[in-house]
Amino acid sequence: MKSERDTTRIVRSWLESGVTDLPDRVLDQVLDQLPTTPQRRHQWQARRSYTMNSTLKMVIAAAAVVVVGIVGFGLVSGSSVPGVGASPTATPSAAPTPVPSASPILLLPSANTAIEPGRYRISSPVGDLSIDVPAGWISMGSDILRTTSDSDPEAAAIFAVWPISGTFADPCTDHTLVQPTPGAGIDDLADALANQPGTEAGPPTAVTVDGYAAKRVDSTVTADIEPCGSGSGMDGFWLYAMPDGDRRYVQGTNELNQLYIVDVDGQRLTFNGRLPAAITAVDRAELEAIIASIDIEP
């Protein structure tokens, strides 16, 4: 705090600076402390600019000393003077928002068993990929099937991560592999899958899967598959071949297979979603959500 002598020096310096005009509010506050007549008070209020004589200057100086003293006392005592140096109110800091821990990625069971909803990892020759699986699906190791109480698992929606190596001369009547088989790229295999007897498919569509370039073929089985069954000496309608000599055969006429061929750093990853003719809107939405959730870990 400044001493009384310092306060007097500040006021004296202010008076000697030649200030002769004051704002109305300051002058009004000082005049309230002076013994004046009502008529005099009214005349001062009527004027908007005021000139001070030496006597009035001394009176104002004395009032200023009192004001400075009050402010100084407030600073030392820690109390706040209304409108002067009020202490700011402390704002409490917000508590940090807790970050939820990520759910673990589970390995898809190899046995034919119902699985709990969650995120699962599936292995492939190119690398692992993970998917979100809702309730009501059964694990088959490298594929999952959607089941309901009134549906046959063999006719259910399917998501399968199977390596595709080629196609057959005729999926129903001639299971000879088409030669030469497509190379490691995605374009030749997509074209072969889109042009098979007994199916209908538009041109392959360019898509991305987890940021990787891919081709998608929507292949619908239009042939009557009954004559392709084992009773006629054949073994079903073979949609595509696998490198280990296995094959994928369809379960019904008019089923739709969404075939994906993905270029993962120069290697080919393939999977498909099967939509039976009688698929429900809910099952279709779940299958599409599973495909949209794919993360690839080459």
Foldseek 3Di string as FASTA:
>chain_A
DDDLVVLLVVLVVVLVVPDFWDAPVLVVVLVVVDDDDPVVVVVVVVDGTGGDDPVVSVSSSVVSSVVVVVVVVCVVVVHDDVPPPDDDDDDDDDDDDDDDDDDDEDAQDQPFAFDAFDKYWAADPVGIKIWTAHGQWTTNRQKIFHDDPPDDRQQTKMKGFAAFWFAFQAQQPTRHTDPPTDDFDAQVRQVRLCDHPQKHWDRWDWDDAQRFIKTKIKIARADFFPCSPVVVVHHAGFRTAHPVGDTDHHDGHGKIKIWMWTQDVSGTTIIIIIGHPPHDPVSVVSSVNRRNRMDGDD
